[in-house]
Amino acid sequence: MYIEITEKAYTMLLKQSSTLKRNNLALMYDYDGCGCVVSGVIHLVEIIEPTERFVQGTTNIDTIPIWYEKQYEWVYDERMVVDFVDASNSYRLKSDNQIFNSRMKFITKI
């Protein structure tokens, strides 16, 4: 999967985390409390070390590796875009076919 991170999203990620450049970024699928696995929500999460449950995506940003959980690969399209939206002060995950999350959170667990 190819994950494009727009310049605006990249700038905001670095503003929100001073440790991101030495860690990793992951798209994490959360369906707790949603009632069904197909009703989940995707978040951006800063992680230190990906585990075996992750697959590395390709991206246009070479300074931050990006990962996604392989068991939820079916959720995503082959080409995804992470952008930042000023009006909602949040990230947006989209593809050419749909918007996956228009108010995506960035979570730093570190």
PDB file of N, CA and C in Angstrom:
ATOM      1  N   MET A   1       0.849  -1.175   0.000  1.00  0.00           N
ATOM      2  CA  MET A   1       0.000   0.000   0.000  1.00  0.00           C
ATOM      3  C   MET A   1       0.896   1.240   0.000  1.00  0.00           C
ATOM      4  N   TYR A   2       0.496   2.220  -0.788  1.00  0.00           N
ATOM      5  CA  TYR A   2       1.211   3.493  -0.850  1.00  0.00           C
ATOM      6  C   TYR A   2       0.435   4.510  -0.019  1.00  0.00           C
ATOM      7  N   ILE A   3       1.129   5.205   0.880  1.00  0.00           N
ATOM      8  CA  ILE A   3       0.505   6.185   1.751  1.00  0.00           C
ATOM      9  C   ILE A   3       1.213   7.520   1.538  1.00  0.00           C
ATOM     10  N   GLU A   4       0.539   8.431   0.873  1.00  0.00           N
ATOM     11  CA  GLU A   4       1.091   9.768   0.653  1.00  0.00           C
ATOM     12  C   GLU A   4       0.782  10.631   1.872  1.00  0.00           C
ATOM     13  N   ILE A   5       1.764  11.329   2.366  1.00  0.00           N
ATOM     14  CA  ILE A   5       1.574  12.288   3.452  1.00  0.00           C
ATOM     15  C   ILE A   5       1.800  13.669   2.863  1.00  0.00           C
ATOM     16  N   THR A   6       0.766  14.496   2.876  1.00  0.00           N
ATOM     17  CA  THR A   6       0.899  15.822   2.280  1.00  0.00           C
ATOM     18  C   THR A   6       1.882  16.654   3.093  1.00  0.00           C
ATOM     19  N   GLU A   7       2.391  17.702   2.478  1.00  0.00           N
ATOM     20  CA  GLU A   7       3.337  18.593   3.154  1.00  0.00           C
ATOM     21  C   GLU A   7       2.719  19.199   4.410  1.00  0.00           C
ATOM     22  N   LYS A   8       1.457  19.589   4.323  1.00  0.00           N
ATOM     23  CA  LYS A   8       0.763  20.172   5.473  1.00  0.00           C
ATOM     24  C   LYS A   8       0.650  19.156   6.610  1.00  0.00           C
ATOM     25  N   ALA A   9       0.280  17.918   6.297  1.00  0.00           N
ATOM     26  CA  ALA A   9       0.168  16.875   7.321  1.00  0.00           C
ATOM     27  C   ALA A   9       1.537  16.590   7.938  1.00  0.00           C
ATOM     28  N   TYR A  10       2.561  16.516   7.119  1.00  0.00           N
ATOM     29  CA  TYR A  10       3.918  16.254   7.607  1.00  0.00           C
ATOM     30  C   TYR A  10       4.369  17.348   8.575  1.00  0.00           C
ATOM     31  N   THR A  11       4.132  18.596   8.217  1.00  0.00           N
ATOM     32  CA  THR A  11       4.497  19.726   9.068  1.00  0.00           C
ATOM     33  C   THR A  11       3.768  19.659  10.407  1.00  0.00           C
ATOM     34  N   MET A  12       2.487  19.348  10.388  1.00  0.00           N
ATOM     35  CA  MET A  12       1.705  19.276  11.625  1.00  0.00           C
ATOM     36  C   MET A  12       2.129  18.093  12.492  1.00  0.00           C
ATOM     37  N   LEU A  13       2.424  16.968  11.887  1.00  0.00           N
ATOM     38  CA  LEU A  13       2.896  15.814  12.648  1.00  0.00           C
ATOM     39  C   LEU A  13       4.171  16.147  13.412  1.00  0.00           C
ATOM     40  N   LEU A  14       5.097  16.819  12.739  1.00  0.00           N
ATOM     41  CA  LEU A  14       6.357  17.184  13.382  1.00  0.00           C
ATOM     42  C   LEU A  14       6.157  18.240  14.470  1.00  0.00           C
ATOM     43  N   LYS A  15       5.174  19.119  14.299  1.00  0.00           N
ATOM     44  CA  LYS A  15       4.862  20.103  15.340  1.00  0.00           C
ATOM     45  C   LYS A  15       4.273  19.434  16.571  1.00  0.00           C
ATOM     46  N   GLN A  16       3.503  18.377  16.351  1.00  0.00           N
ATOM     47  CA  GLN A  16       2.813  17.712  17.458  1.00  0.00           C
ATOM     48  C   GLN A  16       3.668  16.665  18.164  1.00  0.00           C
ATOM     49  N   SER A  17       4.775  16.278  17.567  1.00  0.00           N
ATOM     50  CA  SER A  17       5.637  15.289  18.201  1.00  0.00           C
ATOM     51  C   SER A  17       7.099  15.579  17.894  1.00  0.00           C
ATOM     52  N   SER A  18       7.840  15.858  18.924  1.00  0.00           N
ATOM     53  CA  SER A  18       9.269  16.109  18.744  1.00  0.00           C
ATOM     54  C   SER A  18      10.067  14.808  18.597  1.00  0.00           C
ATOM     55  N   THR A  19       9.435  13.672  18.855  1.00  0.00           N
ATOM     56  CA  THR A  19      10.129  12.378  18.784  1.00  0.00           C
ATOM     57  C   THR A  19       9.791  11.572  17.531  1.00  0.00           C
ATOM     58  N   LEU A  20       8.891  12.065  16.705  1.00  0.00           N
ATOM     59  CA  LEU A  20       8.414  11.280  15.561  1.00  0.00           C
ATOM     60  C   LEU A  20       9.516  10.913  14.575  1.00  0.00           C
ATOM     61  N   LYS A  21      10.468  11.780  14.345  1.00  0.00           N
ATOM     62  CA  LYS A  21      11.524  11.501  13.363  1.00  0.00           C
ATOM     63  C   LYS A  21      12.404  10.323  13.747  1.00  0.00           C
ATOM     64  N   ARG A  22      12.439   9.950  15.019  1.00  0.00           N
ATOM     65  CA  ARG A  22      13.236   8.791  15.419  1.00  0.00           C
ATOM     66  C   ARG A  22      12.355   7.579  15.745  1.00  0.00           C
ATOM     67  N   ASN A  23      11.059   7.714  15.516  1.00  0.00           N
ATOM     68  CA  ASN A  23      10.127   6.608  15.755  1.00  0.00           C
ATOM     69  C   ASN A  23       9.419   6.226  14.466  1.00  0.00           C
ATOM     70  N   ASN A  24       8.236   5.695  14.574  1.00  0.00           N
ATOM     71  CA  ASN A  24       7.468   5.230  13.428  1.00  0.00           C
ATOM     72  C   ASN A  24       6.044   5.741  13.512  1.00  0.00           C
ATOM     73  N   LEU A  25       5.390   5.782  12.384  1.00  0.00           N
ATOM     74  CA  LEU A  25       3.998   6.194  12.303  1.00  0.00           C
ATOM     75  C   LEU A  25       3.182   4.986  11.853  1.00  0.00           C
ATOM     76  N   ALA A  26       2.025   4.781  12.473  1.00  0.00           N
ATOM     77  CA  ALA A  26       1.186   3.640  12.109  1.00  0.00           C
ATOM     78  C   ALA A  26      -0.259   4.075  11.913  1.00  0.00           C
ATOM     79  N   LEU A  27      -0.901   3.467  10.922  1.00  0.00           N
ATOM     80  CA  LEU A  27      -2.345   3.570  10.781  1.00  0.00           C
ATOM     81  C   LEU A  27      -2.922   2.414  11.586  1.00  0.00           C
ATOM     82  N   MET A  28      -3.700   2.734  12.600  1.00  0.00           N
ATOM     83  CA  MET A  28      -4.253   1.683  13.461  1.00  0.00           C
ATOM     84  C   MET A  28      -5.771   1.705  13.380  1.00  0.00           C
ATOM     85  N   TYR A  29      -6.322   0.527  13.196  1.00  0.00           N
ATOM     86  CA  TYR A  29      -7.761   0.346  13.028  1.00  0.00           C
ATOM     87  C   TYR A  29      -8.364  -0.039  14.376  1.00  0.00           C
ATOM     88  N   ASP A  30      -9.291   0.783  14.862  1.00  0.00           N
ATOM     89  CA  ASP A  30      -9.901   0.572  16.172  1.00  0.00           C
ATOM     90  C   ASP A  30     -11.404   0.358  15.992  1.00  0.00           C
ATOM     91  N   TYR A  31     -11.885  -0.785  16.443  1.00  0.00           N
ATOM     92  CA  TYR A  31     -13.325  -1.026  16.361  1.00  0.00           C
ATOM     93  C   TYR A  31     -13.950  -1.302  17.726  1.00  0.00           C
ATOM     94  N   ASP A  32     -13.220  -1.038  18.805  1.00  0.00           N
ATOM     95  CA  ASP A  32     -13.779  -1.190  20.149  1.00  0.00           C
ATOM     96  C   ASP A  32     -14.970  -0.258  20.321  1.00  0.00           C
ATOM     97  N   GLY A  33     -16.081  -0.809  20.759  1.00  0.00           N
ATOM     98  CA  GLY A  33     -17.292  -0.027  20.991  1.00  0.00           C
ATOM     99  C   GLY A  33     -18.084   0.286  19.745  1.00  0.00           C
ATOM    100  N   CYS A  34     -17.611  -0.182  18.587  1.00  0.00           N
ATOM    101  CA  CYS A  34     -18.310   0.091  17.332  1.00  0.00           C
ATOM    102  C   CYS A  34     -19.394  -0.950  17.043  1.00  0.00           C
ATOM    103  N   GLY A  35     -19.291  -2.093  17.695  1.00  0.00           N
ATOM    104  CA  GLY A  35     -20.297  -3.126  17.505  1.00  0.00           C
ATOM    105  C   GLY A  35     -19.967  -4.122  16.409  1.00  0.00           C
ATOM    106  N   CYS A  36     -19.132  -3.726  15.457  1.00  0.00           N
ATOM    107  CA  CYS A  36     -18.816  -4.603  14.332  1.00  0.00           C
ATOM    108  C   CYS A  36     -17.456  -4.207  13.776  1.00  0.00           C
ATOM    109  N   VAL A  37     -16.692  -5.191  13.359  1.00  0.00           N
ATOM    110  CA  VAL A  37     -15.346  -4.925  12.852  1.00  0.00           C
ATOM    111  C   VAL A  37     -15.348  -4.028  11.612  1.00  0.00           C
ATOM    112  N   VAL A  38     -16.406  -4.043  10.813  1.00  0.00           N
ATOM    113  CA  VAL A  38     -16.436  -3.208   9.605  1.00  0.00           C
ATOM    114  C   VAL A  38     -16.817  -1.765   9.906  1.00  0.00           C
ATOM    115  N   SER A  39     -17.125  -1.444  11.154  1.00  0.00           N
ATOM    116  CA  SER A  39     -17.502  -0.082  11.547  1.00  0.00           C
ATOM    117  C   SER A  39     -16.389   0.630  12.301  1.00  0.00           C
ATOM    118  N   GLY A  40     -15.164   0.210  12.128  1.00  0.00           N
ATOM    119  CA  GLY A  40     -14.046   0.758  12.884  1.00  0.00           C
ATOM    120  C   GLY A  40     -13.623   2.148  12.452  1.00  0.00           C
ATOM    121  N   VAL A  41     -12.704   2.703  13.235  1.00  0.00           N
ATOM    122  CA  VAL A  41     -12.162   4.036  13.003  1.00  0.00           C
ATOM    123  C   VAL A  41     -10.637   3.919  12.916  1.00  0.00           C
ATOM    124  N   ILE A  42     -10.051   4.650  12.001  1.00  0.00           N
ATOM    125  CA  ILE A  42      -8.602   4.617  11.794  1.00  0.00           C
ATOM    126  C   ILE A  42      -7.968   5.827  12.467  1.00  0.00           C
ATOM    127  N   HIS A  43      -6.861   5.588  13.190  1.00  0.00           N
ATOM    128  CA  HIS A  43      -6.107   6.648  13.843  1.00  0.00           C
ATOM    129  C   HIS A  43      -4.658   6.585  13.379  1.00  0.00           C
ATOM    130  N   LEU A  44      -3.981   7.721  13.444  1.00  0.00           N
ATOM    131  CA  LEU A  44      -2.529   7.783  13.260  1.00  0.00           C
ATOM    132  C   LEU A  44      -1.904   7.659  14.638  1.00  0.00           C
ATOM    133  N   VAL A  45      -0.960   6.755  14.787  1.00  0.00           N
ATOM    134  CA  VAL A  45      -0.354   6.526  16.093  1.00  0.00           C
ATOM    135  C   VAL A  45       1.168   6.496  15.951  1.00  0.00           C
ATOM    136  N   GLU A  46       1.837   7.211  16.826  1.00  0.00           N
ATOM    137  CA  GLU A  46       3.294   7.151  16.877  1.00  0.00           C
ATOM    138  C   GLU A  46       3.681   5.915  17.678  1.00  0.00           C
ATOM    139  N   ILE A  47       4.518   5.079  17.102  1.00  0.00           N
ATOM    140  CA  ILE A  47       4.984   3.871  17.794  1.00  0.00           C
ATOM    141  C   ILE A  47       6.512   3.851  17.776  1.00  0.00           C
ATOM    142  N   ILE A  48       7.080   3.210  18.778  1.00  0.00           N
ATOM    143  CA  ILE A  48       8.542   3.124  18.845  1.00  0.00           C
ATOM    144  C   ILE A  48       9.045   2.032  17.915  1.00  0.00           C
ATOM    145  N   GLU A  49       8.512   0.848  18.064  1.00  0.00           N
ATOM    146  CA  GLU A  49       8.970  -0.312  17.298  1.00  0.00           C
ATOM    147  C   GLU A  49       7.766  -1.112  16.819  1.00  0.00           C
ATOM    148  N   PRO A  50       7.610  -1.291  15.507  1.00  0.00           N
ATOM    149  CA  PRO A  50       6.488  -2.097  15.024  1.00  0.00           C
ATOM    150  C   PRO A  50       6.676  -3.568  15.387  1.00  0.00           C
ATOM    151  N   THR A  51       5.587  -4.233  15.680  1.00  0.00           N
ATOM    152  CA  THR A  51       5.627  -5.664  15.974  1.00  0.00           C
ATOM    153  C   THR A  51       5.345  -6.449  14.703  1.00  0.00           C
ATOM    154  N   GLU A  52       5.314  -7.772  14.834  1.00  0.00           N
ATOM    155  CA  GLU A  52       5.079  -8.637  13.669  1.00  0.00           C
ATOM    156  C   GLU A  52       3.685  -8.476  13.084  1.00  0.00           C
ATOM    157  N   ARG A  53       2.774  -7.819  13.786  1.00  0.00           N
ATOM    158  CA  ARG A  53       1.414  -7.632  13.255  1.00  0.00           C
ATOM    159  C   ARG A  53       1.338  -6.506  12.224  1.00  0.00           C
ATOM    160  N   PHE A  54       2.444  -5.756  12.060  1.00  0.00           N
ATOM    161  CA  PHE A  54       2.464  -4.626  11.137  1.00  0.00           C
ATOM    162  C   PHE A  54       3.170  -4.958   9.825  1.00  0.00           C
ATOM    163  N   VAL A  55       2.739  -4.258   8.782  1.00  0.00           N
ATOM    164  CA  VAL A  55       3.359  -4.312   7.461  1.00  0.00           C
ATOM    165  C   VAL A  55       3.773  -2.884   7.121  1.00  0.00           C
ATOM    166  N   GLN A  56       4.961  -2.725   6.561  1.00  0.00           N
ATOM    167  CA  GLN A  56       5.406  -1.382   6.205  1.00  0.00           C
ATOM    168  C   GLN A  56       4.820  -0.954   4.872  1.00  0.00           C
ATOM    169  N   GLY A  57       4.262   0.240   4.871  1.00  0.00           N
ATOM    170  CA  GLY A  57       3.755   0.820   3.637  1.00  0.00           C
ATOM    171  C   GLY A  57       4.843   1.632   2.961  1.00  0.00           C
ATOM    172  N   THR A  58       4.655   1.935   1.708  1.00  0.00           N
ATOM    173  CA  THR A  58       5.574   2.835   1.019  1.00  0.00           C
ATOM    174  C   THR A  58       4.978   4.237   1.099  1.00  0.00           C
ATOM    175  N   THR A  59       5.855   5.233   1.108  1.00  0.00           N
ATOM    176  CA  THR A  59       5.387   6.605   1.282  1.00  0.00           C
ATOM    177  C   THR A  59       6.310   7.592   0.587  1.00  0.00           C
ATOM    178  N   ASN A  60       5.839   8.794   0.457  1.00  0.00           N
ATOM    179  CA  ASN A  60       6.633   9.863  -0.149  1.00  0.00           C
ATOM    180  C   ASN A  60       7.556  10.539   0.865  1.00  0.00           C
ATOM    181  N   ILE A  61       7.402  10.234   2.144  1.00  0.00           N
ATOM    182  CA  ILE A  61       8.232  10.823   3.204  1.00  0.00           C
ATOM    183  C   ILE A  61       9.271   9.783   3.620  1.00  0.00           C
ATOM    184  N   ASP A  62      10.528  10.070   3.380  1.00  0.00           N
ATOM    185  CA  ASP A  62      11.560   9.071   3.690  1.00  0.00           C
ATOM    186  C   ASP A  62      12.121   9.177   5.100  1.00  0.00           C
ATOM    187  N   THR A  63      11.691  10.176   5.874  1.00  0.00           N
ATOM    188  CA  THR A  63      12.229  10.346   7.220  1.00  0.00           C
ATOM    189  C   THR A  63      11.418   9.620   8.298  1.00  0.00           C
ATOM    190  N   ILE A  64      10.199   9.210   7.971  1.00  0.00           N
ATOM    191  CA  ILE A  64       9.344   8.539   8.959  1.00  0.00           C
ATOM    192  C   ILE A  64       8.750   7.277   8.336  1.00  0.00           C
ATOM    193  N   PRO A  65       9.135   6.098   8.808  1.00  0.00           N
ATOM    194  CA  PRO A  65       8.511   4.867   8.308  1.00  0.00           C
ATOM    195  C   PRO A  65       7.034   4.819   8.715  1.00  0.00           C
ATOM    196  N   ILE A  66       6.191   4.335   7.817  1.00  0.00           N
ATOM    197  CA  ILE A  66       4.764   4.233   8.117  1.00  0.00           C
ATOM    198  C   ILE A  66       4.315   2.782   7.974  1.00  0.00           C
ATOM    199  N   TRP A  67       3.490   2.328   8.908  1.00  0.00           N
ATOM    200  CA  TRP A  67       3.063   0.940   9.014  1.00  0.00           C
ATOM    201  C   TRP A  67       1.545   0.851   9.114  1.00  0.00           C
ATOM    202  N   TYR A  68       1.020  -0.320   8.858  1.00  0.00           N
ATOM    203  CA  TYR A  68      -0.395  -0.602   9.080  1.00  0.00           C
ATOM    204  C   TYR A  68      -0.532  -2.053   9.520  1.00  0.00           C
ATOM    205  N   GLU A  69      -1.617  -2.351  10.214  1.00  0.00           N
ATOM    206  CA  GLU A  69      -1.829  -3.699  10.724  1.00  0.00           C
ATOM    207  C   GLU A  69      -2.266  -4.622   9.584  1.00  0.00           C
ATOM    208  N   LYS A  70      -1.519  -5.713   9.381  1.00  0.00           N
ATOM    209  CA  LYS A  70      -1.785  -6.575   8.224  1.00  0.00           C
ATOM    210  C   LYS A  70      -3.150  -7.249   8.286  1.00  0.00           C
ATOM    211  N   GLN A  71      -3.697  -7.489   9.472  1.00  0.00           N
ATOM    212  CA  GLN A  71      -5.008  -8.136   9.565  1.00  0.00           C
ATOM    213  C   GLN A  71      -6.135  -7.219   9.095  1.00  0.00           C
ATOM    214  N   TYR A  72      -5.861  -5.907   9.018  1.00  0.00           N
ATOM    215  CA  TYR A  72      -6.880  -4.964   8.544  1.00  0.00           C
ATOM    216  C   TYR A  72      -6.541  -4.386   7.171  1.00  0.00           C
ATOM    217  N   GLU A  73      -5.680  -5.034   6.457  1.00  0.00           N
ATOM    218  CA  GLU A  73      -5.291  -4.570   5.126  1.00  0.00           C
ATOM    219  C   GLU A  73      -6.501  -4.437   4.198  1.00  0.00           C
ATOM    220  N   TRP A  74      -7.496  -5.267   4.403  1.00  0.00           N
ATOM    221  CA  TRP A  74      -8.715  -5.255   3.578  1.00  0.00           C
ATOM    222  C   TRP A  74      -9.494  -3.947   3.701  1.00  0.00           C
ATOM    223  N   VAL A  75      -9.252  -3.179   4.762  1.00  0.00           N
ATOM    224  CA  VAL A  75      -9.973  -1.930   4.993  1.00  0.00           C
ATOM    225  C   VAL A  75      -9.536  -0.853   4.004  1.00  0.00           C
ATOM    226  N   TYR A  76      -8.265  -0.843   3.664  1.00  0.00           N
ATOM    227  CA  TYR A  76      -7.663   0.255   2.916  1.00  0.00           C
ATOM    228  C   TYR A  76      -7.711   0.032   1.407  1.00  0.00           C
ATOM    229  N   ASP A  77      -7.570   1.147   0.680  1.00  0.00           N
ATOM    230  CA  ASP A  77      -7.361   1.095  -0.755  1.00  0.00           C
ATOM    231  C   ASP A  77      -5.856   1.000  -1.018  1.00  0.00           C
ATOM    232  N   GLU A  78      -5.491   0.707  -2.235  1.00  0.00           N
ATOM    233  CA  GLU A  78      -4.077   0.523  -2.579  1.00  0.00           C
ATOM    234  C   GLU A  78      -3.270   1.811  -2.448  1.00  0.00           C
ATOM    235  N   ARG A  79      -3.919   2.952  -2.650  1.00  0.00           N
ATOM    236  CA  ARG A  79      -3.246   4.255  -2.557  1.00  0.00           C
ATOM    237  C   ARG A  79      -4.052   5.142  -1.609  1.00  0.00           C
ATOM    238  N   MET A  80      -3.395   5.595  -0.531  1.00  0.00           N
ATOM    239  CA  MET A  80      -4.056   6.402   0.492  1.00  0.00           C
ATOM    240  C   MET A  80      -3.347   7.756   0.626  1.00  0.00           C
ATOM    241  N   VAL A  81      -4.074   8.750   1.133  1.00  0.00           N
ATOM    242  CA  VAL A  81      -3.505  10.075   1.358  1.00  0.00           C
ATOM    243  C   VAL A  81      -3.844  10.516   2.779  1.00  0.00           C
ATOM    244  N   VAL A  82      -2.824  10.961   3.513  1.00  0.00           N
ATOM    245  CA  VAL A  82      -3.008  11.577   4.827  1.00  0.00           C
ATOM    246  C   VAL A  82      -2.809  13.077   4.637  1.00  0.00           C
ATOM    247  N   ASP A  83      -3.834  13.859   5.003  1.00  0.00           N
ATOM    248  CA  ASP A  83      -3.770  15.307   4.860  1.00  0.00           C
ATOM    249  C   ASP A  83      -4.161  15.941   6.193  1.00  0.00           C
ATOM    250  N   PHE A  84      -3.897  17.224   6.336  1.00  0.00           N
ATOM    251  CA  PHE A  84      -4.323  17.954   7.525  1.00  0.00           C
ATOM    252  C   PHE A  84      -5.326  19.005   7.095  1.00  0.00           C
ATOM    253  N   VAL A  85      -6.436  19.121   7.867  1.00  0.00           N
ATOM    254  CA  VAL A  85      -7.506  20.063   7.557  1.00  0.00           C
ATOM    255  C   VAL A  85      -7.554  21.115   8.662  1.00  0.00           C
ATOM    256  N   ASP A  86      -7.263  22.350   8.308  1.00  0.00           N
ATOM    257  CA  ASP A  86      -7.236  23.435   9.293  1.00  0.00           C
ATOM    258  C   ASP A  86      -8.594  23.643   9.966  1.00  0.00           C
ATOM    259  N   ALA A  87      -9.661  23.602   9.185  1.00  0.00           N
ATOM    260  CA  ALA A  87     -10.999  23.894   9.711  1.00  0.00           C
ATOM    261  C   ALA A  87     -11.399  22.978  10.861  1.00  0.00           C
ATOM    262  N   SER A  88     -10.977  21.725  10.810  1.00  0.00           N
ATOM    263  CA  SER A  88     -11.319  20.778  11.877  1.00  0.00           C
ATOM    264  C   SER A  88     -10.135  20.488  12.803  1.00  0.00           C
ATOM    265  N   ASN A  89      -8.990  21.080  12.486  1.00  0.00           N
ATOM    266  CA  ASN A  89      -7.759  20.862  13.253  1.00  0.00           C
ATOM    267  C   ASN A  89      -7.487  19.363  13.439  1.00  0.00           C
ATOM    268  N   SER A  90      -7.627  18.628  12.356  1.00  0.00           N
ATOM    269  CA  SER A  90      -7.431  17.176  12.411  1.00  0.00           C
ATOM    270  C   SER A  90      -6.918  16.675  11.071  1.00  0.00           C
ATOM    271  N   TYR A  91      -6.562  15.419  11.072  1.00  0.00           N
ATOM    272  CA  TYR A  91      -6.054  14.778   9.866  1.00  0.00           C
ATOM    273  C   TYR A  91      -7.194  14.122   9.102  1.00  0.00           C
ATOM    274  N   ARG A  92      -6.978  13.939   7.810  1.00  0.00           N
ATOM    275  CA  ARG A  92      -7.972  13.266   6.972  1.00  0.00           C
ATOM    276  C   ARG A  92      -7.270  12.135   6.230  1.00  0.00           C
ATOM    277  N   LEU A  93      -7.869  10.954   6.283  1.00  0.00           N
ATOM    278  CA  LEU A  93      -7.368   9.805   5.537  1.00  0.00           C
ATOM    279  C   LEU A  93      -8.337   9.540   4.403  1.00  0.00           C
ATOM    280  N   LYS A  94      -7.813   9.563   3.180  1.00  0.00           N
ATOM    281  CA  LYS A  94      -8.689   9.404   2.021  1.00  0.00           C
ATOM    282  C   LYS A  94      -7.969   8.645   0.916  1.00  0.00           C
ATOM    283  N   SER A  95      -8.766   8.234  -0.055  1.00  0.00           N
ATOM    284  CA  SER A  95      -8.248   7.650  -1.288  1.00  0.00           C
ATOM    285  C   SER A  95      -9.012   8.305  -2.428  1.00  0.00           C
ATOM    286  N   ASP A  96      -8.764   7.867  -3.644  1.00  0.00           N
ATOM    287  CA  ASP A  96      -9.537   8.380  -4.778  1.00  0.00           C
ATOM    288  C   ASP A  96     -10.995   7.937  -4.701  1.00  0.00           C
ATOM    289  N   ASN A  97     -11.266   6.867  -3.957  1.00  0.00           N
ATOM    290  CA  ASN A  97     -12.613   6.303  -3.895  1.00  0.00           C
ATOM    291  C   ASN A  97     -13.463   6.783  -2.729  1.00  0.00           C
ATOM    292  N   GLN A  98     -12.828   7.175  -1.626  1.00  0.00           N
ATOM    293  CA  GLN A  98     -13.610   7.517  -0.442  1.00  0.00           C
ATOM    294  C   GLN A  98     -12.777   8.245   0.604  1.00  0.00           C
ATOM    295  N   ILE A  99     -13.481   8.795   1.599  1.00  0.00           N
ATOM    296  CA  ILE A  99     -12.839   9.353   2.786  1.00  0.00           C
ATOM    297  C   ILE A  99     -12.996   8.315   3.880  1.00  0.00           C
ATOM    298  N   PHE A 100     -11.884   7.878   4.439  1.00  0.00           N
ATOM    299  CA  PHE A 100     -11.897   6.848   5.477  1.00  0.00           C
ATOM    300  C   PHE A 100     -12.127   7.450   6.859  1.00  0.00           C
ATOM    301  N   ASN A 101     -11.532   8.600   7.099  1.00  0.00           N
ATOM    302  CA  ASN A 101     -11.723   9.297   8.368  1.00  0.00           C
ATOM    303  C   ASN A 101     -11.462  10.773   8.116  1.00  0.00           C
ATOM    304  N   SER A 102     -12.491  11.608   8.271  1.00  0.00           N
ATOM    305  CA  SER A 102     -12.343  13.034   7.999  1.00  0.00           C
ATOM    306  C   SER A 102     -11.834  13.818   9.198  1.00  0.00           C
ATOM    307  N   ARG A 103     -11.793  13.175  10.365  1.00  0.00           N
ATOM    308  CA  ARG A 103     -11.284  13.823  11.589  1.00  0.00           C
ATOM    309  C   ARG A 103     -10.377  12.859  12.343  1.00  0.00           C
ATOM    310  N   MET A 104      -9.356  12.417  11.660  1.00  0.00           N
ATOM    311  CA  MET A 104      -8.470  11.404  12.218  1.00  0.00           C
ATOM    312  C   MET A 104      -7.558  12.004  13.291  1.00  0.00           C
ATOM    313  N   LYS A 105      -7.444  11.302  14.404  1.00  0.00           N
ATOM    314  CA  LYS A 105      -6.584  11.721  15.509  1.00  0.00           C
ATOM    315  C   LYS A 105      -5.151  11.258  15.258  1.00  0.00           C
ATOM    316  N   PHE A 106      -4.224  12.039  15.818  1.00  0.00           N
ATOM    317  CA  PHE A 106      -2.824  11.628  15.890  1.00  0.00           C
ATOM    318  C   PHE A 106      -2.532  11.364  17.352  1.00  0.00           C
ATOM    319  N   ILE A 107      -2.171  10.134  17.680  1.00  0.00           N
ATOM    320  CA  ILE A 107      -1.953   9.722  19.054  1.00  0.00           C
ATOM    321  C   ILE A 107      -0.471   9.426  19.265  1.00  0.00           C
ATOM    322  N   THR A 108       0.103  10.073  20.254  1.00  0.00           N
ATOM    323  CA  THR A 108       1.481   9.778  20.630  1.00  0.00           C
ATOM    324  C   THR A 108       1.430   8.997  21.929  1.00  0.00           C
ATOM    325  N   LYS A 109       1.806   7.736  21.870  1.00  0.00           N
ATOM    326  CA  LYS A 109       1.773   6.868  23.039  1.00  0.00           C
ATOM    327  C   LYS A 109       3.082   6.897  23.810  1.00  0.00           C
ATOM    328  N   ILE A 110       3.990   7.719  23.379  1.00  0.00           N
ATOM    329  CA  ILE A 110       5.332   7.745  23.962  1.00  0.00           C
ATOM    330  C   ILE A 110       5.379   8.733  25.110  1.00  0.00           C
TER     331      ILE A 110
END
